[in-house]
C-alpha atoms as a PDB file:
ATOM      1  CA  MET A   1     126.377 -37.616   2.259  1.00  0.00           C
ATOM      2  CA  ASP A   2     123.257 -36.547   1.571  1.00  0.00           C
ATOM      3  CA  ASN A   3     124.192 -33.659  -0.076  1.00  0.00           C
ATOM      4  CA  THR A   4     120.699 -32.277  -0.665  1.00  0.00           C
ATOM      5  CA  LEU A   5     118.805 -28.843   1.298  1.00  0.00           C
ATOM      6  CA  ASP A   6     115.844 -28.570   3.238  1.00  0.00           C
ATOM      7  CA  LEU A   7     113.628 -27.247   0.427  1.00  0.00           C
ATOM      8  CA  LYS A   8     109.694 -27.611   2.809  1.00  0.00           C
ATOM      9  CA  ALA A   9     109.604 -23.869   3.332  1.00  0.00           C
ATOM     10  CA  GLY A  10     110.646 -23.412  -1.229  1.00  0.00           C
ATOM     11  CA  GLN A  11     113.107 -23.166  -3.749  1.00  0.00           C
ATOM     12  CA  PRO A  12     114.770 -20.046  -2.142  1.00  0.00           C
ATOM     13  CA  THR A  13     116.165 -16.842  -4.293  1.00  0.00           C
ATOM     14  CA  ILE A  14     119.534 -17.064  -4.011  1.00  0.00           C
ATOM     15  CA  LEU A  15     122.347 -14.242  -5.156  1.00  0.00           C
ATOM     16  CA  LEU A  16     125.442 -14.901  -6.551  1.00  0.00           C
ATOM     17  CA  ALA A  17     128.092 -12.137  -7.095  1.00  0.00           C
ATOM     18  CA  ASP A  18     131.521 -12.301  -8.578  1.00  0.00           C
ATOM     19  CA  SER A  19     132.910 -10.299 -11.825  1.00  0.00           C
ATOM     20  CA  ASP A  20     134.534 -13.891 -12.681  1.00  0.00           C
ATOM     21  CA  ILE A  21     132.387 -15.521 -15.657  1.00  0.00           C
ATOM     22  CA  ASP A  22     133.724 -19.126 -15.633  1.00  0.00           C
ATOM     23  CA  GLN A  23     133.668 -18.861 -11.318  1.00  0.00           C
ATOM     24  CA  LEU A  24     129.824 -17.265 -11.568  1.00  0.00           C
ATOM     25  CA  ASP A  25     128.506 -20.837 -13.550  1.00  0.00           C
ATOM     26  CA  LYS A  26     131.218 -22.815 -11.513  1.00  0.00           C
ATOM     27  CA  ASN A  27     128.943 -21.791  -7.933  1.00  0.00           C
ATOM     28  CA  ALA A  28     125.410 -22.586 -10.185  1.00  0.00           C
ATOM     29  CA  LEU A  29     126.326 -25.836 -10.855  1.00  0.00           C
ATOM     30  CA  THR A  30     127.561 -26.912  -8.085  1.00  0.00           C
ATOM     31  CA  LEU A  31     124.521 -25.108  -6.308  1.00  0.00           C
ATOM     32  CA  GLN A  32     122.119 -26.874  -8.781  1.00  0.00           C
ATOM     33  CA  GLU A  33     123.367 -30.403  -7.434  1.00  0.00           C
ATOM     34  CA  ILE A  34     122.306 -29.809  -4.407  1.00  0.00           C
ATOM     35  CA  GLY A  35     118.627 -29.080  -5.433  1.00  0.00           C
ATOM     36  CA  LEU A  36     119.506 -25.435  -5.673  1.00  0.00           C
ATOM     37  CA  PHE A  37     117.430 -23.389  -9.368  1.00  0.00           C
ATOM     38  CA  ASN A  38     117.306 -20.411  -8.433  1.00  0.00           C
ATOM     39  CA  HIS A  39     119.349 -18.039  -8.567  1.00  0.00           C
ATOM     40  CA  LEU A  40     120.041 -14.394  -9.713  1.00  0.00           C
ATOM     41  CA  HIS A  41     123.857 -13.362 -10.877  1.00  0.00           C
ATOM     42  CA  ALA A  42     126.089  -9.897 -10.618  1.00  0.00           C
ATOM     43  CA  GLU A  43     129.280  -9.245 -12.095  1.00  0.00           C
ATOM     44  CA  ASN A  44     129.853  -6.438 -10.141  1.00  0.00           C
ATOM     45  CA  GLY A  45     128.976  -4.515  -6.869  1.00  0.00           C
ATOM     46  CA  SER A  46     127.048  -1.954  -7.837  1.00  0.00           C
ATOM     47  CA  GLU A  47     125.115  -5.358  -9.812  1.00  0.00           C
ATOM     48  CA  ALA A  48     124.954  -6.997  -6.936  1.00  0.00           C
ATOM     49  CA  MET A  49     122.887  -4.108  -5.366  1.00  0.00           C
ATOM     50  CA  ALA A  50     120.629  -3.596  -7.914  1.00  0.00           C
ATOM     51  CA  MET A  51     119.247  -7.765  -7.920  1.00  0.00           C
ATOM     52  CA  VAL A  52     119.012  -7.230  -4.019  1.00  0.00           C
ATOM     53  CA  LYS A  53     117.058  -3.755  -3.345  1.00  0.00           C
ATOM     54  CA  ASN A  54     115.028  -4.944  -6.558  1.00  0.00           C
ATOM     55  CA  PHE A  55     114.320  -8.949  -5.981  1.00  0.00           C
ATOM     56  CA  ASN A  56     115.760  -8.893  -1.858  1.00  0.00           C
ATOM     57  CA  PRO A  57     116.817 -13.131  -2.308  1.00  0.00           C
ATOM     58  CA  GLU A  58     116.770 -14.905   0.669  1.00  0.00           C
ATOM     59  CA  ILE A  59     120.785 -15.858   0.473  1.00  0.00           C
ATOM     60  CA  LEU A  60     123.748 -14.176  -0.582  1.00  0.00           C
ATOM     61  CA  ILE A  61     126.702 -16.026  -2.052  1.00  0.00           C
ATOM     62  CA  LEU A  62     129.741 -13.024  -2.615  1.00  0.00           C
ATOM     63  CA  SER A  63     133.149 -12.238  -3.646  1.00  0.00           C
ATOM     64  CA  GLN A  64     134.677  -9.606  -1.039  1.00  0.00           C
ATOM     65  CA  ASP A  65     137.444  -9.159  -4.977  1.00  0.00           C
ATOM     66  CA  LEU A  66     133.939  -7.730  -6.522  1.00  0.00           C
ATOM     67  CA  PRO A  67     135.797  -5.003  -8.560  1.00  0.00           C
ATOM     68  CA  ASP A  68     134.108  -1.466  -7.695  1.00  0.00           C
ATOM     69  CA  ILE A  69     132.022  -2.746  -4.112  1.00  0.00           C
ATOM     70  CA  PRO A  70     133.675  -5.650  -1.445  1.00  0.00           C
ATOM     71  CA  GLY A  71     131.281  -8.131  -0.744  1.00  0.00           C
ATOM     72  CA  LEU A  72     131.326  -6.512   2.931  1.00  0.00           C
ATOM     73  CA  SER A  73     130.963  -2.659   2.006  1.00  0.00           C
ATOM     74  CA  ILE A  74     127.221  -4.208   0.183  1.00  0.00           C
ATOM     75  CA  LEU A  75     126.353  -6.535   3.703  1.00  0.00           C
ATOM     76  CA  SER A  76     127.215  -2.701   5.951  1.00  0.00           C
ATOM     77  CA  MET A  77     124.758  -1.245   3.312  1.00  0.00           C
ATOM     78  CA  ILE A  78     122.241  -3.696   2.808  1.00  0.00           C
ATOM     79  CA  ARG A  79     121.870  -4.287   6.901  1.00  0.00           C
ATOM     80  CA  GLN A  80     121.420  -1.355   7.761  1.00  0.00           C
ATOM     81  CA  LYS A  81     117.585  -2.377   6.475  1.00  0.00           C
ATOM     82  CA  GLU A  82     115.542  -4.236   8.524  1.00  0.00           C
ATOM     83  CA  GLU A  83     114.525  -6.837   7.074  1.00  0.00           C
ATOM     84  CA  SER A  84     117.762  -8.479   5.642  1.00  0.00           C
ATOM     85  CA  ALA A  85     117.922  -9.635   9.246  1.00  0.00           C
ATOM     86  CA  LYS A  86     117.963 -13.003   8.183  1.00  0.00           C
ATOM     87  CA  THR A  87     119.562 -13.201   5.335  1.00  0.00           C
ATOM     88  CA  THR A  88     121.950 -15.538   4.993  1.00  0.00           C
ATOM     89  CA  VAL A  89     125.063 -14.722   3.935  1.00  0.00           C
ATOM     90  CA  VAL A  90     128.364 -16.902   2.815  1.00  0.00           C
ATOM     91  CA  LEU A  91     131.293 -14.414   1.228  1.00  0.00           C
ATOM     92  CA  TYR A  92     134.393 -16.116  -0.306  1.00  0.00           C
ATOM     93  CA  ALA A  93     137.891 -13.885  -0.311  1.00  0.00           C
ATOM     94  CA  ASN A  94     140.944 -14.338  -2.136  1.00  0.00           C
ATOM     95  CA  ASN A  95     142.754 -13.366   1.776  1.00  0.00           C
ATOM     96  CA  VAL A  96     140.941 -14.035   4.640  1.00  0.00           C
ATOM     97  CA  ASN A  97     143.152 -12.379   7.345  1.00  0.00           C
ATOM     98  CA  SER A  98     141.513 -12.020  11.228  1.00  0.00           C
ATOM     99  CA  LYS A  99     140.550  -8.512  10.021  1.00  0.00           C
ATOM    100  CA  LEU A 100     138.209  -9.980   7.684  1.00  0.00           C
ATOM    101  CA  LEU A 101     136.547 -12.377  10.078  1.00  0.00           C
ATOM    102  CA  ILE A 102     135.901  -9.810  12.466  1.00  0.00           C
ATOM    103  CA  ARG A 103     134.093  -7.480  10.305  1.00  0.00           C
ATOM    104  CA  ALA A 104     132.870 -10.069   8.989  1.00  0.00           C
ATOM    105  CA  GLY A 105     130.993 -11.560  12.089  1.00  0.00           C
ATOM    106  CA  ARG A 106     130.331  -7.611  12.502  1.00  0.00           C
ATOM    107  CA  PHE A 107     128.180  -7.152   9.655  1.00  0.00           C
ATOM    108  CA  GLY A 108     126.441 -10.741   9.961  1.00  0.00           C
ATOM    109  CA  VAL A 109     128.045 -13.422   7.435  1.00  0.00           C
ATOM    110  CA  ASP A 110     126.897 -17.364   7.601  1.00  0.00           C
ATOM    111  CA  ASN A 111     130.522 -18.944   7.015  1.00  0.00           C
ATOM    112  CA  ILE A 112     133.583 -17.212   4.761  1.00  0.00           C
ATOM    113  CA  LEU A 113     135.577 -19.373   2.269  1.00  0.00           C
ATOM    114  CA  LYS A 114     138.757 -19.022   1.157  1.00  0.00           C
ATOM    115  CA  HIS A 115     139.663 -18.836  -2.685  1.00  0.00           C
ATOM    116  CA  PRO A 116     140.524 -20.538  -4.730  1.00  0.00           C
ATOM    117  CA  PHE A 117     138.639 -23.594  -3.823  1.00  0.00           C
ATOM    118  CA  THR A 118     136.755 -26.606  -5.544  1.00  0.00           C
ATOM    119  CA  SER A 119     133.541 -27.360  -6.300  1.00  0.00           C
ATOM    120  CA  GLU A 120     133.397 -29.616  -3.586  1.00  0.00           C
ATOM    121  CA  GLU A 121     134.416 -27.212  -1.061  1.00  0.00           C
ATOM    122  CA  PHE A 122     131.615 -24.933  -1.951  1.00  0.00           C
ATOM    123  CA  GLN A 123     129.141 -27.263  -1.583  1.00  0.00           C
ATOM    124  CA  LYS A 124     130.101 -28.501   1.382  1.00  0.00           C
ATOM    125  CA  LYS A 125     130.401 -24.544   3.251  1.00  0.00           C
ATOM    126  CA  VAL A 126     126.688 -24.204   1.667  1.00  0.00           C
ATOM    127  CA  ILE A 127     125.268 -27.101   2.723  1.00  0.00           C
ATOM    128  CA  GLU A 128     127.063 -26.184   6.412  1.00  0.00           C
ATOM    129  CA  THR A 129     125.404 -22.753   6.087  1.00  0.00           C
ATOM    130  CA  VAL A 130     121.999 -22.630   4.557  1.00  0.00           C
ATOM    131  CA  LEU A 131     120.982 -26.492   5.743  1.00  0.00           C
ATOM    132  CA  GLY A 132     118.209 -26.378   7.778  1.00  0.00           C
ATOM    133  CA  PRO A 133     116.386 -28.689  10.371  1.00  0.00           C
ATOM    134  CA  LYS A 134     115.777 -32.041   8.440  1.00  0.00           C
ATOM    135  CA  ASP A 135     113.456 -34.223   8.184  1.00  0.00           C
ATOM    136  CA  PRO A 136     111.492 -36.766   5.941  1.00  0.00           C
ATOM    137  CA  GLN A 137     109.403 -35.838   3.959  1.00  0.00           C
ATOM    138  CA  ALA A 138     111.784 -33.103   3.361  1.00  0.00           C
ATOM    139  CA  ARG A 139     114.857 -35.206   2.260  1.00  0.00           C
ATOM    140  CA  GLN A 140     112.364 -36.788  -0.070  1.00  0.00           C
ATOM    141  CA  ALA A 141     110.772 -33.271  -2.075  1.00  0.00           C
ATOM    142  CA  GLU A 142     113.922 -32.377  -2.758  1.00  0.00           C
ATOM    143  CA  ARG A 143     114.587 -35.879  -4.929  1.00  0.00           C
ATOM    144  CA  LEU A 144     111.428 -35.662  -6.040  1.00  0.00           C
ATOM    145  CA  ILE A 145     112.711 -32.328  -7.739  1.00  0.00           C
ATOM    146  CA  GLY A 146     115.917 -33.591  -9.003  1.00  0.00           C
ATOM    147  CA  ARG A 147     113.929 -36.812 -10.915  1.00  0.00           C
ATOM    148  CA  CYS A 148     111.192 -34.214 -12.433  1.00  0.00           C
ATOM    149  CA  GLN A 149     114.239 -31.428 -13.427  1.00  0.00           C
ATOM    150  CA  GLU A 150     115.653 -34.801 -15.030  1.00  0.00           C
ATOM    151  CA  GLN A 151     112.583 -35.853 -16.070  1.00  0.00           C
ATOM    152  CA  MET A 152     111.327 -32.089 -17.970  1.00  0.00           C
ATOM    153  CA  ASN A 153     114.580 -32.402 -19.034  1.00  0.00           C
ATOM    154  CA  LYS A 154     114.139 -35.892 -21.402  1.00  0.00           C
ATOM    155  CA  GLY A 155     110.780 -34.492 -22.183  1.00  0.00           C
ATOM    156  CA  GLN A 156     109.190 -37.243 -20.237  1.00  0.00           C
ATOM    157  CA  TYR A 157     106.497 -35.259 -19.283  1.00  0.00           C
ATOM    158  CA  GLU A 158     104.099 -37.996 -18.661  1.00  0.00           C
ATOM    159  CA  GLU A 159     106.067 -39.334 -15.744  1.00  0.00           C
ATOM    160  CA  ALA A 160     106.978 -35.676 -15.230  1.00  0.00           C
ATOM    161  CA  LEU A 161     103.207 -35.368 -14.130  1.00  0.00           C
ATOM    162  CA  GLN A 162     103.441 -37.641 -12.177  1.00  0.00           C
ATOM    163  CA  THR A 163     106.532 -36.685 -10.480  1.00  0.00           C
ATOM    164  CA  CYS A 164     105.360 -32.878  -9.996  1.00  0.00           C
ATOM    165  CA  ASN A 165     101.800 -34.671  -8.654  1.00  0.00           C
ATOM    166  CA  GLU A 166     104.076 -36.422  -5.561  1.00  0.00           C
ATOM    167  CA  ILE A 167     105.751 -33.208  -4.456  1.00  0.00           C
ATOM    168  CA  LEU A 168     102.611 -31.138  -4.149  1.00  0.00           C
ATOM    169  CA  ASP A 169     101.593 -33.343  -1.884  1.00  0.00           C
ATOM    170  CA  ILE A 170     104.946 -32.461   0.415  1.00  0.00           C
ATOM    171  CA  HIS A 171     104.464 -28.884  -0.526  1.00  0.00           C
ATOM    172  CA  ASP A 172     104.272 -25.949  -2.572  1.00  0.00           C
ATOM    173  CA  ASN A 173     107.099 -24.848  -5.560  1.00  0.00           C
ATOM    174  CA  ALA A 174     106.858 -22.751  -7.826  1.00  0.00           C
ATOM    175  CA  GLU A 175     109.075 -24.173 -10.923  1.00  0.00           C
ATOM    176  CA  VAL A 176     107.035 -27.321 -10.181  1.00  0.00           C
ATOM    177  CA  PHE A 177     103.921 -25.766 -11.020  1.00  0.00           C
ATOM    178  CA  TYR A 178     105.306 -24.084 -14.257  1.00  0.00           C
ATOM    179  CA  ASN A 179     106.398 -27.851 -14.802  1.00  0.00           C
ATOM    180  CA  LEU A 180     102.803 -28.777 -14.987  1.00  0.00           C
ATOM    181  CA  GLY A 181     101.282 -25.231 -16.384  1.00  0.00           C
ATOM    182  CA  TYR A 182     104.364 -26.047 -19.245  1.00  0.00           C
ATOM    183  CA  ILE A 183     102.844 -29.079 -19.735  1.00  0.00           C
ATOM    184  CA  LEU A 184      99.562 -28.753 -19.763  1.00  0.00           C
ATOM    185  CA  SER A 185     100.383 -25.723 -22.639  1.00  0.00           C
ATOM    186  CA  ILE A 186     101.618 -28.347 -24.718  1.00  0.00           C
ATOM    187  CA  ARG A 187      99.095 -30.792 -24.653  1.00  0.00           C
ATOM    188  CA  GLY A 188      96.696 -27.349 -25.625  1.00  0.00           C
ATOM    189  CA  LYS A 189      94.989 -27.039 -22.234  1.00  0.00           C
ATOM    190  CA  PHE A 190      95.613 -23.380 -21.989  1.00  0.00           C
ATOM    191  CA  GLU A 191      92.704 -22.147 -19.452  1.00  0.00           C
ATOM    192  CA  GLU A 192      94.621 -25.141 -16.981  1.00  0.00           C
ATOM    193  CA  ALA A 193      98.130 -24.294 -17.595  1.00  0.00           C
ATOM    194  CA  LEU A 194      97.532 -20.955 -16.776  1.00  0.00           C
ATOM    195  CA  SER A 195      96.303 -21.328 -13.664  1.00  0.00           C
ATOM    196  CA  TYR A 196     100.048 -23.465 -13.074  1.00  0.00           C
ATOM    197  CA  PHE A 197     101.331 -19.988 -14.780  1.00  0.00           C
ATOM    198  CA  LYS A 198      99.830 -18.134 -12.445  1.00  0.00           C
ATOM    199  CA  LYS A 199     100.424 -20.082  -9.059  1.00  0.00           C
ATOM    200  CA  ALA A 200     103.867 -20.257  -9.661  1.00  0.00           C
ATOM    201  CA  THR A 201     104.396 -16.873 -10.071  1.00  0.00           C
ATOM    202  CA  ARG A 202     102.542 -15.853  -7.312  1.00  0.00           C
ATOM    203  CA  ILE A 203     104.994 -18.047  -5.229  1.00  0.00           C
ATOM    204  CA  ASN A 204     108.248 -16.362  -7.383  1.00  0.00           C
ATOM    205  CA  GLY A 205     107.087 -13.053  -8.310  1.00  0.00           C
ATOM    206  CA  HIS A 206     110.058 -12.947 -10.418  1.00  0.00           C
ATOM    207  CA  HIS A 207     109.663 -16.599 -12.275  1.00  0.00           C
ATOM    208  CA  ALA A 208     110.329 -14.723 -16.034  1.00  0.00           C
ATOM    209  CA  LYS A 209     109.642 -18.127 -17.850  1.00  0.00           C
ATOM    210  CA  ALA A 210     106.350 -17.997 -16.013  1.00  0.00           C
ATOM    211  CA  PHE A 211     104.923 -15.406 -17.472  1.00  0.00           C
ATOM    212  CA  LYS A 212     106.383 -15.590 -20.744  1.00  0.00           C
ATOM    213  CA  GLN A 213     104.327 -19.201 -21.112  1.00  0.00           C
ATOM    214  CA  MET A 214     101.215 -17.067 -19.498  1.00  0.00           C
ATOM    215  CA  GLY A 215     101.815 -14.043 -22.698  1.00  0.00           C
ATOM    216  CA  LEU A 216     102.134 -16.941 -25.526  1.00  0.00           C
ATOM    217  CA  ILE A 217      99.317 -18.884 -23.959  1.00  0.00           C
ATOM    218  CA  TYR A 218      97.159 -15.117 -23.358  1.00  0.00           C
ATOM    219  CA  GLN A 219      98.170 -13.912 -27.426  1.00  0.00           C
ATOM    220  CA  THR A 220      97.185 -18.081 -28.830  1.00  0.00           C
ATOM    221  CA  LEU A 221      93.942 -17.073 -27.722  1.00  0.00           C
ATOM    222  CA  GLY A 222      93.416 -13.224 -28.466  1.00  0.00           C
ATOM    223  CA  ARG A 223      93.401 -11.823 -25.532  1.00  0.00           C
ATOM    224  CA  VAL A 224      96.627  -9.571 -26.756  1.00  0.00           C
ATOM    225  CA  ASP A 225      96.039  -7.250 -23.698  1.00  0.00           C
ATOM    226  CA  GLU A 226      97.247  -9.525 -21.563  1.00  0.00           C
ATOM    227  CA  ALA A 227     100.011 -11.459 -24.080  1.00  0.00           C
ATOM    228  CA  GLN A 228     101.505  -8.047 -23.738  1.00  0.00           C
ATOM    229  CA  ARG A 229     101.455  -7.247 -20.412  1.00  0.00           C
ATOM    230  CA  CYS A 230     103.021 -10.809 -19.019  1.00  0.00           C
ATOM    231  CA  LEU A 231     105.205 -10.339 -22.034  1.00  0.00           C
ATOM    232  CA  GLU A 232     106.902  -6.999 -21.477  1.00  0.00           C
ATOM    233  CA  ARG A 233     107.119  -8.742 -17.812  1.00  0.00           C
ATOM    234  CA  ALA A 234     109.085 -11.405 -18.190  1.00  0.00           C
ATOM    235  CA  ALA A 235     111.900  -9.640 -20.902  1.00  0.00           C
ATOM    236  CA  ASP A 236     112.166  -7.162 -18.483  1.00  0.00           C
ATOM    237  CA  LEU A 237     113.130  -9.451 -15.455  1.00  0.00           C
ATOM    238  CA  HIS A 238     115.054 -10.803 -17.992  1.00  0.00           C
ATOM    239  CA  LEU A 239     116.659  -7.150 -18.836  1.00  0.00           C
ATOM    240  CA  THR A 240     117.394  -6.932 -14.599  1.00  0.00           C
ATOM    241  CA  LEU A 241     119.196 -10.228 -14.756  1.00  0.00           C
ATOM    242  CA  ARG A 242     121.135  -8.951 -18.161  1.00  0.00           C
ATOM    243  CA  GLU A 243     119.746 -12.183 -20.476  1.00  0.00           C
ATOM    244  CA  GLU A 244     119.714  -9.986 -23.473  1.00  0.00           C
ATOM    245  CA  ASN A 245     118.439 -12.437 -25.784  1.00  0.00           C
ATOM    246  CA  GLU A 246     115.802 -13.986 -23.683  1.00  0.00           C
ATOM    247  CA  ALA A 247     114.805 -10.279 -23.895  1.00  0.00           C
ATOM    248  CA  GLU A 248     115.172  -9.401 -27.509  1.00  0.00           C
ATOM    249  CA  GLU A 249     112.907 -12.680 -28.600  1.00  0.00           C
ATOM    250  CA  ILE A 250     110.260 -11.788 -25.735  1.00  0.00           C
ATOM    251  CA  LEU A 251     110.173  -7.809 -27.384  1.00  0.00           C
ATOM    252  CA  ASN A 252     109.823  -8.610 -30.869  1.00  0.00           C
ATOM    253  CA  THR A 253     107.044 -11.283 -29.856  1.00  0.00           C
ATOM    254  CA  VAL A 254     105.111  -7.930 -28.138  1.00  0.00           C
ATOM    255  CA  LEU A 255     106.189  -6.335 -31.793  1.00  0.00           C
ATOM    256  CA  THR A 256     104.483  -8.632 -33.407  1.00  0.00           C
ATOM    257  CA  LEU A 257     101.143  -7.794 -31.757  1.00  0.00           C
ATOM    258  CA  ARG A 258     101.192  -4.520 -31.429  1.00  0.00           C
ATOM    259  CA  PRO A 259     104.264  -2.588 -33.540  1.00  0.00           C
ATOM    260  CA  ASP A 260     103.935   1.199 -31.952  1.00  0.00           C
ATOM    261  CA  THR A 261     104.535   0.131 -28.273  1.00  0.00           C
ATOM    262  CA  THR A 262     106.657   2.947 -26.988  1.00  0.00           C
ATOM    263  CA  ASN A 263     108.859   0.764 -23.969  1.00  0.00           C
ATOM    264  CA  VAL A 264     109.404  -1.964 -26.337  1.00  0.00           C
ATOM    265  CA  TYR A 265     111.941   0.044 -28.694  1.00  0.00           C
ATOM    266  CA  ASN A 266     113.522   1.300 -25.455  1.00  0.00           C
ATOM    267  CA  SER A 267     114.490  -1.830 -23.871  1.00  0.00           C
ATOM    268  CA  LEU A 268     115.390  -3.414 -27.621  1.00  0.00           C
ATOM    269  CA  GLY A 269     117.878   0.033 -27.969  1.00  0.00           C
ATOM    270  CA  ILE A 270     118.605  -0.899 -24.593  1.00  0.00           C
ATOM    271  CA  ILE A 271     120.083  -4.158 -25.770  1.00  0.00           C
ATOM    272  CA  TYR A 272     121.239  -2.864 -28.724  1.00  0.00           C
ATOM    273  CA  ARG A 273     123.537  -0.784 -27.062  1.00  0.00           C
ATOM    274  CA  ARG A 274     124.698  -3.275 -24.724  1.00  0.00           C
ATOM    275  CA  GLN A 275     126.055  -5.901 -28.080  1.00  0.00           C
ATOM    276  CA  GLY A 276     127.769  -3.019 -29.716  1.00  0.00           C
ATOM    277  CA  ARG A 277     125.164  -3.245 -32.108  1.00  0.00           C
ATOM    278  CA  LEU A 278     124.488  -0.041 -32.676  1.00  0.00           C
ATOM    279  CA  ASP A 279     122.815   1.271 -35.708  1.00  0.00           C
ATOM    280  CA  GLU A 280     120.045  -1.214 -34.376  1.00  0.00           C
ATOM    281  CA  ALA A 281     119.951   0.869 -31.411  1.00  0.00           C
ATOM    282  CA  GLN A 282     119.719   3.593 -33.213  1.00  0.00           C
ATOM    283  CA  LEU A 283     117.131   3.286 -35.127  1.00  0.00           C
ATOM    284  CA  ALA A 284     114.881   1.327 -32.010  1.00  0.00           C
ATOM    285  CA  TYR A 285     115.637   4.579 -30.606  1.00  0.00           C
ATOM    286  CA  GLU A 286     114.224   6.092 -34.371  1.00  0.00           C
ATOM    287  CA  LYS A 287     111.318   4.486 -34.071  1.00  0.00           C
ATOM    288  CA  ALA A 288     110.525   5.239 -30.111  1.00  0.00           C
ATOM    289  CA  LEU A 289     110.168   8.500 -30.460  1.00  0.00           C
ATOM    290  CA  LYS A 290     108.018   8.378 -34.023  1.00  0.00           C
ATOM    291  CA  VAL A 291     105.859   7.478 -31.635  1.00  0.00           C
ATOM    292  CA  HIS A 292     106.314   8.935 -28.518  1.00  0.00           C
ATOM    293  CA  PRO A 293     108.320  12.572 -29.727  1.00  0.00           C
ATOM    294  CA  GLU A 294     107.799  14.167 -25.792  1.00  0.00           C
ATOM    295  CA  ASP A 295     110.247  10.713 -23.937  1.00  0.00           C
ATOM    296  CA  GLU A 296     113.291  13.018 -22.977  1.00  0.00           C
ATOM    297  CA  ASN A 297     114.913   9.188 -21.505  1.00  0.00           C
ATOM    298  CA  ILE A 298     114.430   8.138 -25.197  1.00  0.00           C
ATOM    299  CA  TYR A 299     116.588  11.213 -26.303  1.00  0.00           C
ATOM    300  CA  PHE A 300     119.054  11.090 -24.204  1.00  0.00           C
ATOM    301  CA  ASN A 301     119.660   7.132 -24.474  1.00  0.00           C
ATOM    302  CA  LEU A 302     120.219   8.287 -28.452  1.00  0.00           C
ATOM    303  CA  SER A 303     122.654  10.064 -27.844  1.00  0.00           C
ATOM    304  CA  ARG A 304     125.062   7.656 -25.794  1.00  0.00           C
ATOM    305  CA  VAL A 305     124.367   5.930 -29.086  1.00  0.00           C
ATOM    306  CA  TYR A 306     125.206   9.020 -30.497  1.00  0.00           C
ATOM    307  CA  LEU A 307     128.297   8.872 -28.569  1.00  0.00           C
ATOM    308  CA  ASP A 308     129.947   5.280 -28.958  1.00  0.00           C
ATOM    309  CA  LYS A 309     129.797   6.046 -32.899  1.00  0.00           C
ATOM    310  CA  ASP A 310     131.761   9.260 -31.992  1.00  0.00           C
ATOM    311  CA  GLU A 311     128.821  11.700 -33.624  1.00  0.00           C
ATOM    312  CA  LYS A 312     129.571  14.512 -30.723  1.00  0.00           C
ATOM    313  CA  ALA A 313     128.134  16.953 -32.785  1.00  0.00           C
ATOM    314  CA  ARG A 314     124.071  14.537 -32.551  1.00  0.00           C
ATOM    315  CA  ALA A 315     124.928  13.225 -29.347  1.00  0.00           C
ATOM    316  CA  GLN A 316     124.452  16.960 -28.054  1.00  0.00           C
ATOM    317  CA  GLU A 317     121.814  17.671 -30.379  1.00  0.00           C
ATOM    318  CA  SER A 318     120.208  14.577 -28.924  1.00  0.00           C
ATOM    319  CA  LEU A 319     120.800  15.831 -25.533  1.00  0.00           C
ATOM    320  CA  LYS A 320     119.496  19.425 -26.291  1.00  0.00           C
ATOM    321  CA  LYS A 321     116.420  18.128 -27.023  1.00  0.00           C
ATOM    322  CA  ALA A 322     116.266  15.975 -23.669  1.00  0.00           C
ATOM    323  CA  LEU A 323     116.540  19.365 -22.684  1.00  0.00           C
ATOM    324  CA  LEU A 324     113.946  21.418 -23.845  1.00  0.00           C
ATOM    325  CA  LEU A 325     111.808  18.255 -22.606  1.00  0.00           C
ATOM    326  CA  ASN A 326     112.247  18.005 -19.436  1.00  0.00           C
ATOM    327  CA  PRO A 327     115.205  21.390 -18.555  1.00  0.00           C
ATOM    328  CA  GLY A 328     115.759  19.558 -14.648  1.00  0.00           C
ATOM    329  CA  PHE A 329     116.904  16.685 -16.950  1.00  0.00           C
ATOM    330  CA  VAL A 330     119.996  16.335 -14.099  1.00  0.00           C
ATOM    331  CA  ALA A 331     121.603  13.411 -16.746  1.00  0.00           C
ATOM    332  CA  ALA A 332     121.149  14.792 -19.878  1.00  0.00           C
ATOM    333  CA  GLN A 333     122.788  18.313 -18.145  1.00  0.00           C
ATOM    334  CA  ASP A 334     125.893  16.824 -16.823  1.00  0.00           C
ATOM    335  CA  LEU A 335     126.426  14.859 -20.463  1.00  0.00           C
ATOM    336  CA  LEU A 336     125.450  17.624 -21.876  1.00  0.00           C
ATOM    337  CA  ARG A 337     128.132  19.268 -20.119  1.00  0.00           C
ATOM    338  CA  ALA A 338     130.982  16.528 -20.774  1.00  0.00           C
ATOM    339  CA  THR A 339     130.684  16.254 -24.644  1.00  0.00           C
ATOM    340  CA  GLU A 340     131.562  20.731 -23.439  1.00  0.00           C
ATOM    341  CA  ILE A 341     134.585  19.888 -22.026  1.00  0.00           C
ATOM    342  CA  GLY A 342     135.264  16.638 -24.286  1.00  0.00           C
ATOM    343  CA  PHE A 343     134.063  13.466 -21.945  1.00  0.00           C
ATOM    344  CA  LYS A 344     132.542  10.866 -22.751  1.00  0.00           C
ATOM    345  CA  LEU A 345     130.691  10.303 -19.296  1.00  0.00           C
ATOM    346  CA  LYS A 346     129.249   6.868 -18.611  1.00  0.00           C
ATOM    347  CA  THR A 347     126.165   7.149 -16.598  1.00  0.00           C
ATOM    348  CA  GLY A 348     123.022   4.453 -17.344  1.00  0.00           C
ATOM    349  CA  GLU A 349     119.802   4.183 -19.271  1.00  0.00           C
ATOM    350  CA  GLN A 350     116.418   6.143 -18.396  1.00  0.00           C
END
């Protein structure tokens, strides 16, 4: 069986949504085995909705049993938008019954899989759902992409360079352009590398690695403004994907360029708080306020750290400062009211 997919239109963006992290990782590995590498991960329905809004994935692979918004409810919301009509959807559920099948058909589910399933069953279902008309060139491109990735992983850059050029003779591909840029950058051919990274981001505007590499090259070349712009874009993408370690590393690089960048400290505060590093989160927000003392959002985020540290009075003080700056700040009003009646209200960072 030829378990490869037609990539002549380029790598599709695929959203995987499941509250089971092990299942997410297993699904991602299976997709890589059939030549699909561009994945987004969501652990609940709210994250999945945000991913759809921000990244417009072409393929959704959803668990019906997400804890907050079930898979079909997500589809019922996104199908209201005309542009979602072309989105391919694979749904899986613990209980596949006639009622679910009827609703799935109504919301345009392309295929349904009963959970639990094996990797082979998942692979077969994805292939039969996503597989478009095949031609020899498409199959050849898929094989070459797999070979190129293997060569890059082994550090066989000369061989990878040749394979990349063979792929581009067939069609453009963001990951291939990224690989070319990476190989040229380690050889010190920075301007050529930049041109390939830019091509990668034109095909895939969410290619965090390409933005990061561009930023590092601009940093090497002393082009600070361009370096900051690209690095912050890369960090934002990693943060959206909840890849906190990658985002933190990049944000700290930005601080070596511009030590007084408010939004970097604010983003670091968000990362540290998510990871339970509350003292570091507090310090990051305090640094942000030294640079920009009139940003109500930073006071709001700082208040959440105080609440996590059970410092209610300081949280209220921070919220009141946010409201002095912006009396119409509804989230701050709600959180202050909640603290005053003895509750901690879960709200998102601003």
